[in-house]
Amino acid sequence: MSTFIMLTRLSPDSVRSPNAYELLERRAAAAVEAECPQVEWLQSYATLGPYDYLDVFRAPNTETAIKVAALVRLAGHAHTEVWAATPWDQFKDMMHTLPEVEGLAVVTH
């Protein structure tokens, strides 16, 4: 399973009352559970800035992650962005397997 980060910005028309947030959450969660039962939700955060939420989830592939984003868009009248994420230790291990590139300057501090 791969890890994905999803940023969500709700349409202002979809949250006209404080209760709307929980209604949208339940609607989106039910849709994801019904259509993508293999998805594992790891964390959800409310954020300040251009996005309302940041969610971290695991999915078997990119196609499933795209379905999750589409379901959240439909259920929440929202804009979503989904990014694939790799744990830092795995990223460093991958970098150690790459060949050195001649003429590439490496800056260390």
N, C-alpha and C. Protein backbone atom coordinates (compact mmCIF):
# COMPACT_ATOMS: atom_id res chain seq x y z
N MET A 1 0.85 -1.18 0.00
CA MET A 1 0.00 0.00 0.00
C MET A 1 0.89 1.24 0.00
N SER A 2 0.43 2.24 -0.70
CA SER A 2 1.16 3.51 -0.79
C SER A 2 0.47 4.56 0.08
N THR A 3 1.25 5.53 0.50
CA THR A 3 0.72 6.63 1.32
C THR A 3 0.44 7.83 0.43
N PHE A 4 -0.70 8.47 0.69
CA PHE A 4 -1.10 9.65 -0.07
C PHE A 4 -1.51 10.76 0.90
N ILE A 5 -1.26 11.98 0.48
CA ILE A 5 -1.69 13.16 1.22
C ILE A 5 -2.72 13.87 0.35
N MET A 6 -3.85 14.21 0.94
CA MET A 6 -4.89 14.91 0.20
C MET A 6 -5.20 16.24 0.89
N LEU A 7 -5.13 17.29 0.11
CA LEU A 7 -5.51 18.63 0.57
C LEU A 7 -6.89 18.94 0.02
N THR A 8 -7.77 19.45 0.88
CA THR A 8 -9.15 19.71 0.46
C THR A 8 -9.54 21.14 0.82
N ARG A 9 -10.14 21.80 -0.15
CA ARG A 9 -10.70 23.15 0.07
C ARG A 9 -12.19 23.05 -0.25
N LEU A 10 -13.02 23.31 0.75
CA LEU A 10 -14.46 23.23 0.58
C LEU A 10 -15.00 24.45 -0.15
N SER A 11 -16.05 24.23 -0.91
CA SER A 11 -16.75 25.34 -1.53
C SER A 11 -17.44 26.14 -0.43
N PRO A 12 -17.35 27.46 -0.46
CA PRO A 12 -18.02 28.27 0.57
C PRO A 12 -19.52 28.00 0.65
N ASP A 13 -20.13 27.62 -0.45
CA ASP A 13 -21.56 27.33 -0.46
C ASP A 13 -21.91 26.04 0.28
N SER A 14 -20.92 25.17 0.48
CA SER A 14 -21.21 23.87 1.10
C SER A 14 -21.13 23.90 2.62
N VAL A 15 -20.63 24.99 3.20
CA VAL A 15 -20.50 25.07 4.67
C VAL A 15 -21.12 26.37 5.18
N ARG A 16 -22.41 26.37 5.21
CA ARG A 16 -23.13 27.57 5.67
C ARG A 16 -23.44 27.53 7.15
N SER A 17 -23.17 26.40 7.80
CA SER A 17 -23.39 26.31 9.25
C SER A 17 -22.30 25.41 9.85
N PRO A 18 -22.05 25.52 11.14
CA PRO A 18 -21.02 24.68 11.78
C PRO A 18 -21.32 23.19 11.65
N ASN A 19 -22.58 22.80 11.64
CA ASN A 19 -22.94 21.39 11.51
C ASN A 19 -22.62 20.83 10.14
N ALA A 20 -22.49 21.71 9.16
CA ALA A 20 -22.23 21.26 7.79
C ALA A 20 -20.90 20.51 7.68
N TYR A 21 -19.92 20.88 8.49
CA TYR A 21 -18.61 20.21 8.42
C TYR A 21 -18.75 18.72 8.74
N GLU A 22 -19.47 18.40 9.81
CA GLU A 22 -19.63 17.00 10.18
C GLU A 22 -20.51 16.25 9.18
N LEU A 23 -21.52 16.90 8.65
CA LEU A 23 -22.36 16.27 7.64
C LEU A 23 -21.53 15.92 6.41
N LEU A 24 -20.72 16.85 5.95
CA LEU A 24 -19.86 16.60 4.79
C LEU A 24 -18.86 15.50 5.09
N GLU A 25 -18.30 15.50 6.30
CA GLU A 25 -17.35 14.45 6.68
C GLU A 25 -18.01 13.07 6.62
N ARG A 26 -19.20 12.95 7.21
CA ARG A 26 -19.90 11.65 7.21
C ARG A 26 -20.24 11.21 5.79
N ARG A 27 -20.69 12.16 4.97
CA ARG A 27 -21.05 11.83 3.59
C ARG A 27 -19.82 11.36 2.80
N ALA A 28 -18.71 12.06 2.94
CA ALA A 28 -17.49 11.68 2.22
C ALA A 28 -16.94 10.35 2.74
N ALA A 29 -16.92 10.16 4.06
CA ALA A 29 -16.41 8.91 4.64
C ALA A 29 -17.25 7.72 4.20
N ALA A 30 -18.56 7.87 4.18
CA ALA A 30 -19.43 6.78 3.74
C ALA A 30 -19.20 6.43 2.28
N ALA A 31 -19.01 7.44 1.45
CA ALA A 31 -18.76 7.19 0.03
C ALA A 31 -17.43 6.48 -0.18
N VAL A 32 -16.39 6.91 0.53
CA VAL A 32 -15.08 6.27 0.39
C VAL A 32 -15.14 4.84 0.90
N GLU A 33 -15.78 4.62 2.04
CA GLU A 33 -15.87 3.27 2.60
C GLU A 33 -16.63 2.33 1.66
N ALA A 34 -17.69 2.82 1.03
CA ALA A 34 -18.49 1.99 0.13
C ALA A 34 -17.75 1.67 -1.17
N GLU A 35 -17.05 2.65 -1.73
CA GLU A 35 -16.41 2.48 -3.04
C GLU A 35 -14.97 2.01 -2.98
N CYS A 36 -14.28 2.30 -1.88
CA CYS A 36 -12.85 1.97 -1.75
C CYS A 36 -12.59 1.38 -0.36
N PRO A 37 -13.16 0.22 -0.05
CA PRO A 37 -13.04 -0.33 1.31
C PRO A 37 -11.61 -0.67 1.71
N GLN A 38 -10.71 -0.80 0.75
CA GLN A 38 -9.33 -1.14 1.06
C GLN A 38 -8.51 0.05 1.53
N VAL A 39 -9.07 1.27 1.44
CA VAL A 39 -8.36 2.47 1.87
C VAL A 39 -8.29 2.52 3.39
N GLU A 40 -7.11 2.87 3.88
CA GLU A 40 -6.89 3.00 5.32
C GLU A 40 -6.62 4.47 5.63
N TRP A 41 -7.51 5.09 6.39
CA TRP A 41 -7.36 6.49 6.77
C TRP A 41 -6.39 6.57 7.93
N LEU A 42 -5.33 7.38 7.84
CA LEU A 42 -4.32 7.47 8.88
C LEU A 42 -4.50 8.68 9.77
N GLN A 43 -4.70 9.85 9.18
CA GLN A 43 -4.81 11.09 9.96
C GLN A 43 -5.66 12.09 9.18
N SER A 44 -6.31 12.97 9.91
CA SER A 44 -7.03 14.11 9.32
C SER A 44 -6.76 15.33 10.18
N TYR A 45 -6.51 16.46 9.51
CA TYR A 45 -6.21 17.70 10.20
C TYR A 45 -7.02 18.83 9.58
N ALA A 46 -7.55 19.70 10.41
CA ALA A 46 -8.09 20.98 9.94
C ALA A 46 -6.89 21.91 9.84
N THR A 47 -6.85 22.73 8.81
CA THR A 47 -5.68 23.58 8.61
C THR A 47 -6.10 25.04 8.41
N LEU A 48 -5.14 25.91 8.61
CA LEU A 48 -5.31 27.33 8.30
C LEU A 48 -4.61 27.57 6.98
N GLY A 49 -5.09 28.48 6.21
CA GLY A 49 -4.46 28.76 4.93
C GLY A 49 -5.41 28.45 3.79
N PRO A 50 -4.88 28.15 2.61
CA PRO A 50 -5.73 27.99 1.44
C PRO A 50 -6.55 26.69 1.45
N TYR A 51 -6.23 25.73 2.31
CA TYR A 51 -6.96 24.47 2.37
C TYR A 51 -7.64 24.33 3.73
N ASP A 52 -8.76 23.63 3.73
CA ASP A 52 -9.51 23.40 4.97
C ASP A 52 -9.04 22.15 5.70
N TYR A 53 -8.60 21.15 4.94
CA TYR A 53 -8.20 19.87 5.53
C TYR A 53 -6.95 19.32 4.89
N LEU A 54 -6.23 18.54 5.66
CA LEU A 54 -5.13 17.73 5.16
C LEU A 54 -5.39 16.32 5.69
N ASP A 55 -5.51 15.36 4.79
CA ASP A 55 -5.75 13.98 5.16
C ASP A 55 -4.60 13.11 4.69
N VAL A 56 -4.27 12.11 5.48
CA VAL A 56 -3.23 11.15 5.13
C VAL A 56 -3.91 9.78 5.10
N PHE A 57 -3.76 9.07 3.98
CA PHE A 57 -4.36 7.75 3.87
C PHE A 57 -3.46 6.82 3.06
N ARG A 58 -3.75 5.54 3.19
CA ARG A 58 -3.02 4.52 2.43
C ARG A 58 -4.00 3.87 1.46
N ALA A 59 -3.52 3.65 0.25
CA ALA A 59 -4.32 3.03 -0.80
C ALA A 59 -3.43 2.07 -1.59
N PRO A 60 -4.03 1.06 -2.21
CA PRO A 60 -3.22 0.08 -2.93
C PRO A 60 -2.56 0.63 -4.19
N ASN A 61 -3.11 1.73 -4.76
CA ASN A 61 -2.55 2.26 -6.00
C ASN A 61 -3.07 3.68 -6.25
N THR A 62 -2.51 4.30 -7.27
CA THR A 62 -2.87 5.68 -7.60
C THR A 62 -4.32 5.77 -8.06
N GLU A 63 -4.79 4.79 -8.79
CA GLU A 63 -6.18 4.80 -9.26
C GLU A 63 -7.16 4.90 -8.08
N THR A 64 -6.90 4.14 -7.04
CA THR A 64 -7.77 4.19 -5.86
C THR A 64 -7.67 5.54 -5.18
N ALA A 65 -6.48 6.12 -5.10
CA ALA A 65 -6.31 7.45 -4.49
C ALA A 65 -7.08 8.50 -5.29
N ILE A 66 -7.10 8.37 -6.60
CA ILE A 66 -7.85 9.29 -7.45
C ILE A 66 -9.35 9.15 -7.18
N LYS A 67 -9.81 7.91 -7.00
CA LYS A 67 -11.22 7.68 -6.67
C LYS A 67 -11.57 8.35 -5.34
N VAL A 68 -10.69 8.23 -4.36
CA VAL A 68 -10.93 8.87 -3.06
C VAL A 68 -11.10 10.38 -3.26
N ALA A 69 -10.20 10.99 -4.00
CA ALA A 69 -10.28 12.43 -4.23
C ALA A 69 -11.57 12.81 -4.95
N ALA A 70 -11.97 12.02 -5.93
CA ALA A 70 -13.21 12.30 -6.67
C ALA A 70 -14.43 12.17 -5.76
N LEU A 71 -14.44 11.16 -4.91
CA LEU A 71 -15.56 10.98 -3.98
C LEU A 71 -15.66 12.13 -2.99
N VAL A 72 -14.51 12.59 -2.49
CA VAL A 72 -14.52 13.73 -1.57
C VAL A 72 -15.01 14.99 -2.29
N ARG A 73 -14.58 15.16 -3.53
CA ARG A 73 -15.05 16.32 -4.31
C ARG A 73 -16.56 16.30 -4.46
N LEU A 74 -17.09 15.13 -4.83
CA LEU A 74 -18.53 15.01 -5.05
C LEU A 74 -19.33 15.17 -3.77
N ALA A 75 -18.86 14.55 -2.69
CA ALA A 75 -19.59 14.58 -1.43
C ALA A 75 -19.51 15.93 -0.74
N GLY A 76 -18.40 16.62 -0.91
CA GLY A 76 -18.19 17.86 -0.17
C GLY A 76 -18.18 19.12 -1.00
N HIS A 77 -18.50 19.00 -2.30
CA HIS A 77 -18.45 20.17 -3.17
C HIS A 77 -17.10 20.87 -2.94
N ALA A 78 -16.03 20.13 -3.16
CA ALA A 78 -14.71 20.59 -2.76
C ALA A 78 -13.71 20.50 -3.91
N HIS A 79 -12.60 21.17 -3.71
CA HIS A 79 -11.41 21.05 -4.57
C HIS A 79 -10.42 20.19 -3.81
N THR A 80 -9.84 19.20 -4.46
CA THR A 80 -8.86 18.34 -3.79
C THR A 80 -7.57 18.26 -4.61
N GLU A 81 -6.48 18.04 -3.89
CA GLU A 81 -5.19 17.71 -4.49
C GLU A 81 -4.68 16.48 -3.77
N VAL A 82 -4.16 15.52 -4.52
CA VAL A 82 -3.62 14.30 -3.91
C VAL A 82 -2.17 14.17 -4.32
N TRP A 83 -1.33 13.92 -3.33
CA TRP A 83 0.10 13.75 -3.56
C TRP A 83 0.53 12.40 -3.03
N ALA A 84 1.36 11.70 -3.79
CA ALA A 84 1.99 10.48 -3.27
C ALA A 84 3.07 10.89 -2.29
N ALA A 85 3.22 10.13 -1.21
CA ALA A 85 4.21 10.46 -0.18
C ALA A 85 5.04 9.23 0.15
N THR A 86 6.32 9.46 0.39
CA THR A 86 7.25 8.40 0.77
C THR A 86 7.87 8.75 2.11
N PRO A 87 7.85 7.83 3.06
CA PRO A 87 8.51 8.12 4.34
C PRO A 87 9.97 8.51 4.12
N TRP A 88 10.45 9.45 4.93
CA TRP A 88 11.78 10.02 4.75
C TRP A 88 12.87 8.95 4.73
N ASP A 89 12.81 7.98 5.64
CA ASP A 89 13.84 6.94 5.68
C ASP A 89 13.86 6.12 4.39
N GLN A 90 12.70 5.83 3.82
CA GLN A 90 12.65 5.10 2.55
C GLN A 90 13.22 5.95 1.42
N PHE A 91 12.91 7.24 1.44
CA PHE A 91 13.45 8.15 0.44
C PHE A 91 14.98 8.16 0.49
N LYS A 92 15.54 8.27 1.70
CA LYS A 92 17.00 8.28 1.83
C LYS A 92 17.60 6.97 1.33
N ASP A 93 16.97 5.84 1.65
CA ASP A 93 17.45 4.55 1.15
C ASP A 93 17.46 4.51 -0.38
N MET A 94 16.40 5.05 -1.00
CA MET A 94 16.33 5.09 -2.47
C MET A 94 17.47 5.93 -3.03
N MET A 95 17.77 7.05 -2.39
CA MET A 95 18.82 7.93 -2.88
C MET A 95 20.19 7.25 -2.84
N HIS A 96 20.39 6.37 -1.87
CA HIS A 96 21.67 5.66 -1.78
C HIS A 96 21.85 4.64 -2.89
N THR A 97 20.77 4.27 -3.57
CA THR A 97 20.87 3.30 -4.67
C THR A 97 21.10 3.96 -6.02
N LEU A 98 20.98 5.29 -6.09
CA LEU A 98 21.15 5.99 -7.36
C LEU A 98 22.62 6.19 -7.67
N PRO A 99 22.96 6.15 -8.96
CA PRO A 99 24.37 6.37 -9.34
C PRO A 99 24.75 7.83 -9.19
N GLU A 100 26.03 8.07 -8.98
CA GLU A 100 26.55 9.44 -8.95
C GLU A 100 26.48 9.99 -10.37
N VAL A 101 26.20 11.28 -10.50
CA VAL A 101 26.13 11.92 -11.80
C VAL A 101 27.34 12.82 -11.92
N GLU A 102 28.15 12.59 -12.97
CA GLU A 102 29.37 13.39 -13.16
C GLU A 102 29.02 14.85 -13.40
N GLY A 103 29.81 15.72 -12.79
CA GLY A 103 29.64 17.15 -12.99
C GLY A 103 28.54 17.75 -12.13
N LEU A 104 27.87 16.94 -11.33
CA LEU A 104 26.82 17.46 -10.48
C LEU A 104 27.44 17.99 -9.19
N ALA A 105 27.23 19.26 -8.93
CA ALA A 105 27.77 19.88 -7.73
C ALA A 105 26.90 19.53 -6.54
N VAL A 106 27.53 19.11 -5.47
CA VAL A 106 26.82 18.80 -4.25
C VAL A 106 27.20 19.83 -3.21
N VAL A 107 26.22 20.52 -2.67
CA VAL A 107 26.46 21.55 -1.67
C VAL A 107 26.19 20.94 -0.29
N THR A 108 27.16 21.04 0.59
CA THR A 108 26.96 20.58 1.98
C THR A 108 27.24 21.75 2.90
N HIS A 109 26.57 21.78 3.99
CA HIS A 109 26.77 22.85 4.95
C HIS A 109 27.24 22.27 6.26
